[in-house]
Amino acid sequence: MFKIGCHLSSSKGYVHMVEETLSIGGTTFQFFTRNPRGGAAKPVDTDDIGRYNKTASENGIREIIAHAPYTMNPCAATENLREFSLNTMTDDLARLSLTPGALYNFHPGSHVGQGADAAIELIAGLLDKLLEADAGNTTPVLLETMAGKGSEVGSKFEELRRIIDLVADSSRLGVCLDTCHVYDAGYDIVNDLDGVLGEFDRVIGIGRLKAVHLNDSKNPFCSHKDRHEKIGQGSIGIDAFAKIINHPALRDLPFCLETPHEDISGYAGEIALLKSLRNE
């Protein structure tokens, strides 16, 4: 089954997100675990979650992506900001233990004022604490590939590998590959997709790749800008996306759109387009 969907608002609950996903022809979806710009998460609605688990199973939705808020910076220079990230992630994972099939995705952070090496050690240290405290959970934790804007950590596969290597028990760690981000970071998925995935396998291991964010790019190759565009309307182009969604190393993963639309009706057209390009 082609696992394809988009980012949705979680404001009306899990069951509503399933209904929206089905209405646009999707089979997976992504949502923020809480307000991406700040604020506490809503109280857990166990009735909604129970109905979601049943509805999702009945409709073939097996994997979904829960995205951590942008306000986190796991490698912040100040301890209180790192503690905020740890507390947020700990609470998120506790909630996600109630939804089997969820993948927890987060941005590694920014190394302002301290450099990438120190930041990588801080991220790994935070993950050590998180995974040790959350040992009874099985939710995979995904590091997202980044575009390299400013002082972002994670625009190089080697940086993600170093984080993984420094974590004592990395068995739950994986990677979410964002097509706009890797293209803007300098990985040529347009002209050398096999080469990029081969490098990913050599550096990180293809088995760590658990999800894909499908986004075209408003900017040219290796621009380090991170501005998403609708599928086929940016510098990556429709032919590259046809290869991405059909590649043997990727085709069974969940694909989620984060492209710019005013409402979810725009995603219906993109999902239909991608389905037409899919070899089944």
C-alpha atoms as a PDB file:
ATOM      1  CA  MET A   1       0.000   0.000   0.000  1.00  0.00           C
ATOM      2  CA  PHE A   2       1.147   3.517  -0.887  1.00  0.00           C
ATOM      3  CA  LYS A   3       1.427   5.343   2.453  1.00  0.00           C
ATOM      4  CA  ILE A   4       0.752   8.920   1.447  1.00  0.00           C
ATOM      5  CA  GLY A   5      -0.725  11.832   3.353  1.00  0.00           C
ATOM      6  CA  CYS A   6      -0.121  15.360   4.577  1.00  0.00           C
ATOM      7  CA  HIS A   7       0.358  17.469   7.677  1.00  0.00           C
ATOM      8  CA  LEU A   8      -2.942  18.140   9.473  1.00  0.00           C
ATOM      9  CA  SER A   9      -4.158  20.191  12.408  1.00  0.00           C
ATOM     10  CA  SER A  10      -4.725  18.112  15.526  1.00  0.00           C
ATOM     11  CA  SER A  11      -7.052  20.697  17.089  1.00  0.00           C
ATOM     12  CA  LYS A  12     -10.155  18.496  16.620  1.00  0.00           C
ATOM     13  CA  GLY A  13      -8.547  15.230  17.668  1.00  0.00           C
ATOM     14  CA  TYR A  14      -7.237  12.014  16.165  1.00  0.00           C
ATOM     15  CA  VAL A  15     -10.493  10.687  14.731  1.00  0.00           C
ATOM     16  CA  HIS A  16     -11.039  13.952  12.861  1.00  0.00           C
ATOM     17  CA  MET A  17      -7.546  13.651  11.358  1.00  0.00           C
ATOM     18  CA  VAL A  18      -8.394  10.154  10.099  1.00  0.00           C
ATOM     19  CA  GLU A  19     -11.595  11.482   8.543  1.00  0.00           C
ATOM     20  CA  GLU A  20      -9.725  14.323   6.857  1.00  0.00           C
ATOM     21  CA  THR A  21      -7.044  11.923   5.609  1.00  0.00           C
ATOM     22  CA  LEU A  22      -9.598   9.591   4.046  1.00  0.00           C
ATOM     23  CA  SER A  23     -11.450  12.543   2.484  1.00  0.00           C
ATOM     24  CA  ILE A  24      -8.355  13.522   0.462  1.00  0.00           C
ATOM     25  CA  GLY A  25      -7.363   9.976  -0.493  1.00  0.00           C
ATOM     26  CA  GLY A  26      -4.609   9.617   2.092  1.00  0.00           C
ATOM     27  CA  THR A  27      -3.409   6.580   4.019  1.00  0.00           C
ATOM     28  CA  THR A  28      -1.222   8.308   6.616  1.00  0.00           C
ATOM     29  CA  PHE A  29      -0.860  11.758   8.149  1.00  0.00           C
ATOM     30  CA  GLN A  30       1.370  13.994  10.233  1.00  0.00           C
ATOM     31  CA  PHE A  31       0.491  16.401  13.054  1.00  0.00           C
ATOM     32  CA  PHE A  32       2.186  18.581  15.660  1.00  0.00           C
ATOM     33  CA  THR A  33       2.159  17.095  19.140  1.00  0.00           C
ATOM     34  CA  ARG A  34       1.335  20.583  20.482  1.00  0.00           C
ATOM     35  CA  ASN A  35       1.376  24.182  19.297  1.00  0.00           C
ATOM     36  CA  PRO A  36       4.532  24.384  17.155  1.00  0.00           C
ATOM     37  CA  ARG A  37       5.268  27.926  18.334  1.00  0.00           C
ATOM     38  CA  GLY A  38       4.751  27.319  22.039  1.00  0.00           C
ATOM     39  CA  GLY A  39       2.115  26.425  24.595  1.00  0.00           C
ATOM     40  CA  ALA A  40       1.129  23.353  26.532  1.00  0.00           C
ATOM     41  CA  ALA A  41      -0.348  20.271  24.929  1.00  0.00           C
ATOM     42  CA  LYS A  42      -4.069  19.623  25.242  1.00  0.00           C
ATOM     43  CA  PRO A  43      -5.225  17.125  27.897  1.00  0.00           C
ATOM     44  CA  VAL A  44      -5.186  13.512  26.702  1.00  0.00           C
ATOM     45  CA  ASP A  45      -8.587  12.428  25.357  1.00  0.00           C
ATOM     46  CA  THR A  46      -8.546   8.670  25.904  1.00  0.00           C
ATOM     47  CA  ASP A  47     -11.967   8.236  24.286  1.00  0.00           C
ATOM     48  CA  ASP A  48     -10.780   9.952  21.089  1.00  0.00           C
ATOM     49  CA  ILE A  49      -7.579   7.887  21.088  1.00  0.00           C
ATOM     50  CA  GLY A  50      -9.508   4.658  21.584  1.00  0.00           C
ATOM     51  CA  ARG A  51     -11.840   5.462  18.695  1.00  0.00           C
ATOM     52  CA  TYR A  52      -8.848   6.541  16.603  1.00  0.00           C
ATOM     53  CA  ASN A  53      -7.019   3.242  17.102  1.00  0.00           C
ATOM     54  CA  LYS A  54     -10.108   1.342  15.944  1.00  0.00           C
ATOM     55  CA  THR A  55     -10.896   3.654  13.003  1.00  0.00           C
ATOM     56  CA  ALA A  56      -7.294   3.797  11.802  1.00  0.00           C
ATOM     57  CA  SER A  57      -6.975   0.018  11.889  1.00  0.00           C
ATOM     58  CA  GLU A  58     -10.241  -0.464  10.002  1.00  0.00           C
ATOM     59  CA  ASN A  59      -9.060   1.930   7.269  1.00  0.00           C
ATOM     60  CA  GLY A  60      -5.521   0.614   6.843  1.00  0.00           C
ATOM     61  CA  ILE A  61      -3.720   3.513   8.511  1.00  0.00           C
ATOM     62  CA  ARG A  62      -0.726   1.779  10.100  1.00  0.00           C
ATOM     63  CA  GLU A  63       1.854   4.515  10.587  1.00  0.00           C
ATOM     64  CA  ILE A  64       1.525   8.205  11.389  1.00  0.00           C
ATOM     65  CA  ILE A  65       4.115  10.899  12.109  1.00  0.00           C
ATOM     66  CA  ALA A  66       3.966  13.032  15.243  1.00  0.00           C
ATOM     67  CA  HIS A  67       6.104  16.152  14.809  1.00  0.00           C
ATOM     68  CA  ALA A  68       7.703  17.843  17.808  1.00  0.00           C
ATOM     69  CA  PRO A  69       7.201  21.624  18.153  1.00  0.00           C
ATOM     70  CA  TYR A  70       9.629  24.095  16.600  1.00  0.00           C
ATOM     71  CA  THR A  71      10.120  25.809  19.958  1.00  0.00           C
ATOM     72  CA  MET A  72      12.431  23.013  21.054  1.00  0.00           C
ATOM     73  CA  ASN A  73      16.197  23.246  20.691  1.00  0.00           C
ATOM     74  CA  PRO A  74      17.761  20.068  22.098  1.00  0.00           C
ATOM     75  CA  CYS A  75      21.266  21.542  21.743  1.00  0.00           C
ATOM     76  CA  ALA A  76      20.546  25.016  23.125  1.00  0.00           C
ATOM     77  CA  ALA A  77      23.471  26.717  24.836  1.00  0.00           C
ATOM     78  CA  THR A  78      21.463  27.256  28.027  1.00  0.00           C
ATOM     79  CA  GLU A  79      20.473  24.386  30.301  1.00  0.00           C
ATOM     80  CA  ASN A  80      16.930  25.602  30.926  1.00  0.00           C
ATOM     81  CA  LEU A  81      16.128  25.510  27.192  1.00  0.00           C
ATOM     82  CA  ARG A  82      17.545  21.999  26.901  1.00  0.00           C
ATOM     83  CA  GLU A  83      15.466  20.997  29.922  1.00  0.00           C
ATOM     84  CA  PHE A  84      12.389  22.401  28.179  1.00  0.00           C
ATOM     85  CA  SER A  85      13.144  20.189  25.149  1.00  0.00           C
ATOM     86  CA  LEU A  86      13.642  17.118  27.324  1.00  0.00           C
ATOM     87  CA  ASN A  87      10.420  17.703  29.260  1.00  0.00           C
ATOM     88  CA  THR A  88       8.466  18.305  26.055  1.00  0.00           C
ATOM     89  CA  MET A  89       9.794  15.178  24.372  1.00  0.00           C
ATOM     90  CA  THR A  90       9.222  13.069  27.482  1.00  0.00           C
ATOM     91  CA  ASP A  91       5.590  14.185  27.659  1.00  0.00           C
ATOM     92  CA  ASP A  92       5.110  13.680  23.911  1.00  0.00           C
ATOM     93  CA  LEU A  93       6.398  10.106  24.033  1.00  0.00           C
ATOM     94  CA  ALA A  94       4.211   9.267  27.009  1.00  0.00           C
ATOM     95  CA  ARG A  95       1.188  10.402  24.988  1.00  0.00           C
ATOM     96  CA  LEU A  96       2.310   8.579  21.839  1.00  0.00           C
ATOM     97  CA  SER A  97       2.561   5.294  23.743  1.00  0.00           C
ATOM     98  CA  LEU A  98      -1.252   5.273  23.452  1.00  0.00           C
ATOM     99  CA  THR A  99      -1.161   5.311  19.616  1.00  0.00           C
ATOM    100  CA  PRO A 100       0.609   2.244  18.186  1.00  0.00           C
ATOM    101  CA  GLY A 101       2.257   2.965  14.833  1.00  0.00           C
ATOM    102  CA  ALA A 102       3.248   6.536  15.655  1.00  0.00           C
ATOM    103  CA  LEU A 103       6.695   7.816  14.684  1.00  0.00           C
ATOM    104  CA  TYR A 104       8.073  10.769  16.673  1.00  0.00           C
ATOM    105  CA  ASN A 105       9.994  13.242  14.500  1.00  0.00           C
ATOM    106  CA  PHE A 106      12.063  16.208  15.709  1.00  0.00           C
ATOM    107  CA  HIS A 107      14.528  18.796  14.411  1.00  0.00           C
ATOM    108  CA  PRO A 108      17.982  18.226  15.945  1.00  0.00           C
ATOM    109  CA  GLY A 109      18.366  21.927  16.765  1.00  0.00           C
ATOM    110  CA  SER A 110      20.669  24.908  16.323  1.00  0.00           C
ATOM    111  CA  HIS A 111      24.247  25.231  17.588  1.00  0.00           C
ATOM    112  CA  VAL A 112      24.308  29.034  17.958  1.00  0.00           C
ATOM    113  CA  GLY A 113      27.313  30.164  19.988  1.00  0.00           C
ATOM    114  CA  GLN A 114      28.850  26.758  20.559  1.00  0.00           C
ATOM    115  CA  GLY A 115      29.592  24.941  17.303  1.00  0.00           C
ATOM    116  CA  ALA A 116      28.325  21.707  15.759  1.00  0.00           C
ATOM    117  CA  ASP A 117      30.580  19.335  17.720  1.00  0.00           C
ATOM    118  CA  ALA A 118      29.380  20.539  21.111  1.00  0.00           C
ATOM    119  CA  ALA A 119      25.790  20.590  19.873  1.00  0.00           C
ATOM    120  CA  ILE A 120      25.970  16.991  18.693  1.00  0.00           C
ATOM    121  CA  GLU A 121      27.140  15.894  22.127  1.00  0.00           C
ATOM    122  CA  LEU A 122      24.281  17.804  23.781  1.00  0.00           C
ATOM    123  CA  ILE A 123      21.672  16.249  21.476  1.00  0.00           C
ATOM    124  CA  ALA A 124      22.998  12.766  22.160  1.00  0.00           C
ATOM    125  CA  GLY A 125      23.054  13.447  25.891  1.00  0.00           C
ATOM    126  CA  LEU A 126      19.436  14.574  25.808  1.00  0.00           C
ATOM    127  CA  LEU A 127      18.432  11.483  23.836  1.00  0.00           C
ATOM    128  CA  ASP A 128      20.205   9.285  26.367  1.00  0.00           C
ATOM    129  CA  LYS A 129      18.104  10.776  29.176  1.00  0.00           C
ATOM    130  CA  LEU A 130      14.921  10.634  27.113  1.00  0.00           C
ATOM    131  CA  LEU A 131      15.255   7.020  26.023  1.00  0.00           C
ATOM    132  CA  GLU A 132      16.388   5.802  29.430  1.00  0.00           C
ATOM    133  CA  ALA A 133      13.380   7.411  31.123  1.00  0.00           C
ATOM    134  CA  ASP A 134      11.081   6.113  28.375  1.00  0.00           C
ATOM    135  CA  ALA A 135      12.447   2.574  28.310  1.00  0.00           C
ATOM    136  CA  GLY A 136       9.008   0.949  28.425  1.00  0.00           C
ATOM    137  CA  ASN A 137       7.887   2.668  25.216  1.00  0.00           C
ATOM    138  CA  THR A 138       8.530   1.438  21.666  1.00  0.00           C
ATOM    139  CA  THR A 139       7.748   4.616  19.704  1.00  0.00           C
ATOM    140  CA  PRO A 140      10.576   5.253  17.182  1.00  0.00           C
ATOM    141  CA  VAL A 141      12.310   8.626  17.558  1.00  0.00           C
ATOM    142  CA  LEU A 142      13.345  10.201  14.249  1.00  0.00           C
ATOM    143  CA  LEU A 143      16.015  12.818  13.581  1.00  0.00           C
ATOM    144  CA  GLU A 144      14.978  14.956  10.612  1.00  0.00           C
ATOM    145  CA  THR A 145      17.425  15.821   7.842  1.00  0.00           C
ATOM    146  CA  MET A 146      17.873  19.593   7.714  1.00  0.00           C
ATOM    147  CA  ALA A 147      18.672  22.140   4.993  1.00  0.00           C
ATOM    148  CA  GLY A 148      21.674  23.715   6.741  1.00  0.00           C
ATOM    149  CA  LYS A 149      20.036  27.096   7.253  1.00  0.00           C
ATOM    150  CA  GLY A 150      21.986  29.189   9.732  1.00  0.00           C
ATOM    151  CA  SER A 151      23.446  26.995  12.453  1.00  0.00           C
ATOM    152  CA  GLU A 152      21.152  23.986  12.011  1.00  0.00           C
ATOM    153  CA  VAL A 153      22.498  20.582  13.009  1.00  0.00           C
ATOM    154  CA  GLY A 154      21.631  17.665  10.736  1.00  0.00           C
ATOM    155  CA  SER A 155      22.195  18.946   7.201  1.00  0.00           C
ATOM    156  CA  LYS A 156      24.972  16.375   6.775  1.00  0.00           C
ATOM    157  CA  PHE A 157      24.380  12.650   7.090  1.00  0.00           C
ATOM    158  CA  GLU A 158      27.597  12.435   9.098  1.00  0.00           C
ATOM    159  CA  GLU A 159      26.177  14.707  11.801  1.00  0.00           C
ATOM    160  CA  LEU A 160      23.153  12.466  12.238  1.00  0.00           C
ATOM    161  CA  ARG A 161      25.412   9.417  12.357  1.00  0.00           C
ATOM    162  CA  ARG A 162      27.524  10.965  15.090  1.00  0.00           C
ATOM    163  CA  ILE A 163      24.434  11.669  17.203  1.00  0.00           C
ATOM    164  CA  ILE A 164      23.259   8.089  16.793  1.00  0.00           C
ATOM    165  CA  ASP A 165      26.712   6.700  17.644  1.00  0.00           C
ATOM    166  CA  LEU A 166      26.910   8.724  20.864  1.00  0.00           C
ATOM    167  CA  VAL A 167      23.553   7.469  22.190  1.00  0.00           C
ATOM    168  CA  ALA A 168      24.013   4.467  24.484  1.00  0.00           C
ATOM    169  CA  ASP A 169      20.894   2.623  23.260  1.00  0.00           C
ATOM    170  CA  SER A 170      20.128   3.823  19.750  1.00  0.00           C
ATOM    171  CA  SER A 171      17.808   0.949  18.848  1.00  0.00           C
ATOM    172  CA  ARG A 172      14.760   3.274  18.659  1.00  0.00           C
ATOM    173  CA  LEU A 173      16.496   6.028  16.683  1.00  0.00           C
ATOM    174  CA  GLY A 174      15.757   6.565  13.017  1.00  0.00           C
ATOM    175  CA  VAL A 175      15.747   9.307  10.390  1.00  0.00           C
ATOM    176  CA  CYS A 176      13.036  11.192   8.515  1.00  0.00           C
ATOM    177  CA  LEU A 177      14.327  12.356   5.138  1.00  0.00           C
ATOM    178  CA  ASP A 178      12.910  15.683   3.968  1.00  0.00           C
ATOM    179  CA  THR A 179      13.267  16.045   0.190  1.00  0.00           C
ATOM    180  CA  CYS A 180      13.408  19.862   0.227  1.00  0.00           C
ATOM    181  CA  HIS A 181      15.909  19.854   3.078  1.00  0.00           C
ATOM    182  CA  VAL A 182      18.351  17.346   1.601  1.00  0.00           C
ATOM    183  CA  TYR A 183      18.195  19.006  -1.813  1.00  0.00           C
ATOM    184  CA  ASP A 184      18.820  22.435  -0.300  1.00  0.00           C
ATOM    185  CA  ALA A 185      21.603  20.903   1.816  1.00  0.00           C
ATOM    186  CA  GLY A 186      23.472  19.702  -1.285  1.00  0.00           C
ATOM    187  CA  TYR A 187      22.302  16.104  -1.832  1.00  0.00           C
ATOM    188  CA  ASP A 188      21.319  15.842  -5.489  1.00  0.00           C
ATOM    189  CA  ILE A 189      18.182  13.723  -5.379  1.00  0.00           C
ATOM    190  CA  VAL A 190      17.208  15.063  -8.824  1.00  0.00           C
ATOM    191  CA  ASN A 191      20.160  13.784 -10.845  1.00  0.00           C
ATOM    192  CA  ASP A 192      21.596  11.120  -8.522  1.00  0.00           C
ATOM    193  CA  LEU A 193      18.938   9.667  -6.224  1.00  0.00           C
ATOM    194  CA  ASP A 194      20.676   6.288  -6.152  1.00  0.00           C
ATOM    195  CA  GLY A 195      23.948   7.959  -5.201  1.00  0.00           C
ATOM    196  CA  VAL A 196      22.327   9.954  -2.381  1.00  0.00           C
ATOM    197  CA  LEU A 197      20.579   6.888  -0.961  1.00  0.00           C
ATOM    198  CA  GLY A 198      23.806   4.923  -1.326  1.00  0.00           C
ATOM    199  CA  GLU A 199      25.604   7.568   0.698  1.00  0.00           C
ATOM    200  CA  PHE A 200      22.833   7.522   3.286  1.00  0.00           C
ATOM    201  CA  ASP A 201      23.214   3.757   3.565  1.00  0.00           C
ATOM    202  CA  ARG A 202      26.990   3.966   3.870  1.00  0.00           C
ATOM    203  CA  VAL A 203      26.958   6.713   6.497  1.00  0.00           C
ATOM    204  CA  ILE A 204      23.795   6.021   8.507  1.00  0.00           C
ATOM    205  CA  GLY A 205      22.352   2.733   7.285  1.00  0.00           C
ATOM    206  CA  ILE A 206      19.237   2.532   5.127  1.00  0.00           C
ATOM    207  CA  GLY A 207      17.487   0.565   7.859  1.00  0.00           C
ATOM    208  CA  ARG A 208      17.399   3.757   9.947  1.00  0.00           C
ATOM    209  CA  LEU A 209      15.286   5.549   7.324  1.00  0.00           C
ATOM    210  CA  LYS A 210      11.699   5.413   8.590  1.00  0.00           C
ATOM    211  CA  ALA A 211       9.751   8.216   6.869  1.00  0.00           C
ATOM    212  CA  VAL A 212       9.891  10.809   4.092  1.00  0.00           C
ATOM    213  CA  HIS A 213       8.664  14.398   4.005  1.00  0.00           C
ATOM    214  CA  LEU A 214       7.688  15.075   0.376  1.00  0.00           C
ATOM    215  CA  ASN A 215       8.333  18.734  -0.412  1.00  0.00           C
ATOM    216  CA  ASP A 216       9.488  20.512  -3.542  1.00  0.00           C
ATOM    217  CA  SER A 217      11.881  23.455  -3.056  1.00  0.00           C
ATOM    218  CA  LYS A 218      11.399  27.126  -3.894  1.00  0.00           C
ATOM    219  CA  ASN A 219      15.176  27.529  -4.078  1.00  0.00           C
ATOM    220  CA  PRO A 220      17.957  26.067  -6.226  1.00  0.00           C
ATOM    221  CA  PHE A 221      20.149  23.118  -5.362  1.00  0.00           C
ATOM    222  CA  CYS A 222      22.455  23.544  -2.350  1.00  0.00           C
ATOM    223  CA  SER A 223      20.878  26.875  -1.381  1.00  0.00           C
ATOM    224  CA  HIS A 224      20.556  26.067   2.360  1.00  0.00           C
ATOM    225  CA  LYS A 225      17.275  28.022   2.426  1.00  0.00           C
ATOM    226  CA  ASP A 226      14.497  25.554   3.403  1.00  0.00           C
ATOM    227  CA  ARG A 227      11.425  26.966   1.653  1.00  0.00           C
ATOM    228  CA  HIS A 228       8.907  24.318   0.647  1.00  0.00           C
ATOM    229  CA  GLU A 229       7.008  24.365  -2.644  1.00  0.00           C
ATOM    230  CA  LYS A 230       4.137  22.349  -4.071  1.00  0.00           C
ATOM    231  CA  ILE A 231       5.057  19.067  -5.755  1.00  0.00           C
ATOM    232  CA  GLY A 232       6.306  19.646  -9.294  1.00  0.00           C
ATOM    233  CA  GLN A 233       6.311  23.439  -8.979  1.00  0.00           C
ATOM    234  CA  GLY A 234       9.802  23.884  -7.536  1.00  0.00           C
ATOM    235  CA  SER A 235      13.403  23.169  -8.429  1.00  0.00           C
ATOM    236  CA  ILE A 236      13.182  19.443  -7.620  1.00  0.00           C
ATOM    237  CA  GLY A 237      10.474  18.762 -10.191  1.00  0.00           C
ATOM    238  CA  ILE A 238       7.872  16.117 -10.861  1.00  0.00           C
ATOM    239  CA  ASP A 239      10.194  13.578 -12.514  1.00  0.00           C
ATOM    240  CA  ALA A 240      12.334  13.373  -9.395  1.00  0.00           C
ATOM    241  CA  PHE A 241       9.288  12.763  -7.202  1.00  0.00           C
ATOM    242  CA  ALA A 242       8.145   9.935  -9.454  1.00  0.00           C
ATOM    243  CA  LYS A 243      11.519   8.283  -8.867  1.00  0.00           C
ATOM    244  CA  ILE A 244      11.430   8.952  -5.116  1.00  0.00           C
ATOM    245  CA  ILE A 245       8.018   7.405  -4.442  1.00  0.00           C
ATOM    246  CA  ASN A 246       8.859   4.337  -6.567  1.00  0.00           C
ATOM    247  CA  HIS A 247      12.422   3.736  -5.362  1.00  0.00           C
ATOM    248  CA  PRO A 248      12.817   0.243  -3.822  1.00  0.00           C
ATOM    249  CA  ALA A 249      14.538   1.686  -0.754  1.00  0.00           C
ATOM    250  CA  LEU A 250      11.748   4.214  -0.145  1.00  0.00           C
ATOM    251  CA  ARG A 251       8.452   2.996  -1.578  1.00  0.00           C
ATOM    252  CA  ASP A 252       7.240   1.191   1.564  1.00  0.00           C
ATOM    253  CA  LEU A 253       7.868   4.151   3.873  1.00  0.00           C
ATOM    254  CA  PRO A 254       5.193   6.682   4.928  1.00  0.00           C
ATOM    255  CA  PHE A 255       5.328   9.834   2.744  1.00  0.00           C
ATOM    256  CA  CYS A 256       3.918  13.059   4.170  1.00  0.00           C
ATOM    257  CA  LEU A 257       3.410  16.328   2.323  1.00  0.00           C
ATOM    258  CA  GLU A 258       4.342  19.605   4.020  1.00  0.00           C
ATOM    259  CA  THR A 259       3.708  21.747   0.968  1.00  0.00           C
ATOM    260  CA  PRO A 260       2.103  25.230   1.127  1.00  0.00           C
ATOM    261  CA  HIS A 261      -1.699  25.151   0.882  1.00  0.00           C
ATOM    262  CA  GLU A 262      -4.406  27.317   2.425  1.00  0.00           C
ATOM    263  CA  ASP A 263      -6.528  24.271   3.312  1.00  0.00           C
ATOM    264  CA  ILE A 264      -6.413  20.495   2.936  1.00  0.00           C
ATOM    265  CA  SER A 265      -8.284  20.499  -0.380  1.00  0.00           C
ATOM    266  CA  GLY A 266      -5.000  21.421  -2.040  1.00  0.00           C
ATOM    267  CA  TYR A 267      -3.431  18.233  -0.749  1.00  0.00           C
ATOM    268  CA  ALA A 268      -6.112  16.111  -2.418  1.00  0.00           C
ATOM    269  CA  GLY A 269      -4.805  17.151  -5.832  1.00  0.00           C
ATOM    270  CA  GLU A 270      -1.202  16.474  -4.894  1.00  0.00           C
ATOM    271  CA  ILE A 271      -2.051  13.046  -3.486  1.00  0.00           C
ATOM    272  CA  ALA A 272      -3.971  12.181  -6.678  1.00  0.00           C
ATOM    273  CA  LEU A 273      -1.002  13.350  -8.749  1.00  0.00           C
ATOM    274  CA  LEU A 274       1.445  11.235  -6.761  1.00  0.00           C
ATOM    275  CA  LYS A 275      -0.836   8.202  -6.962  1.00  0.00           C
ATOM    276  CA  SER A 276      -0.874   8.572 -10.758  1.00  0.00           C
ATOM    277  CA  LEU A 277       2.937   8.385 -10.719  1.00  0.00           C
ATOM    278  CA  ARG A 278       3.094   5.364  -8.461  1.00  0.00           C
ATOM    279  CA  ASN A 279       3.913   1.946  -9.931  1.00  0.00           C
ATOM    280  CA  GLU A 280       1.765  -0.668  -8.197  1.00  0.00           C
END
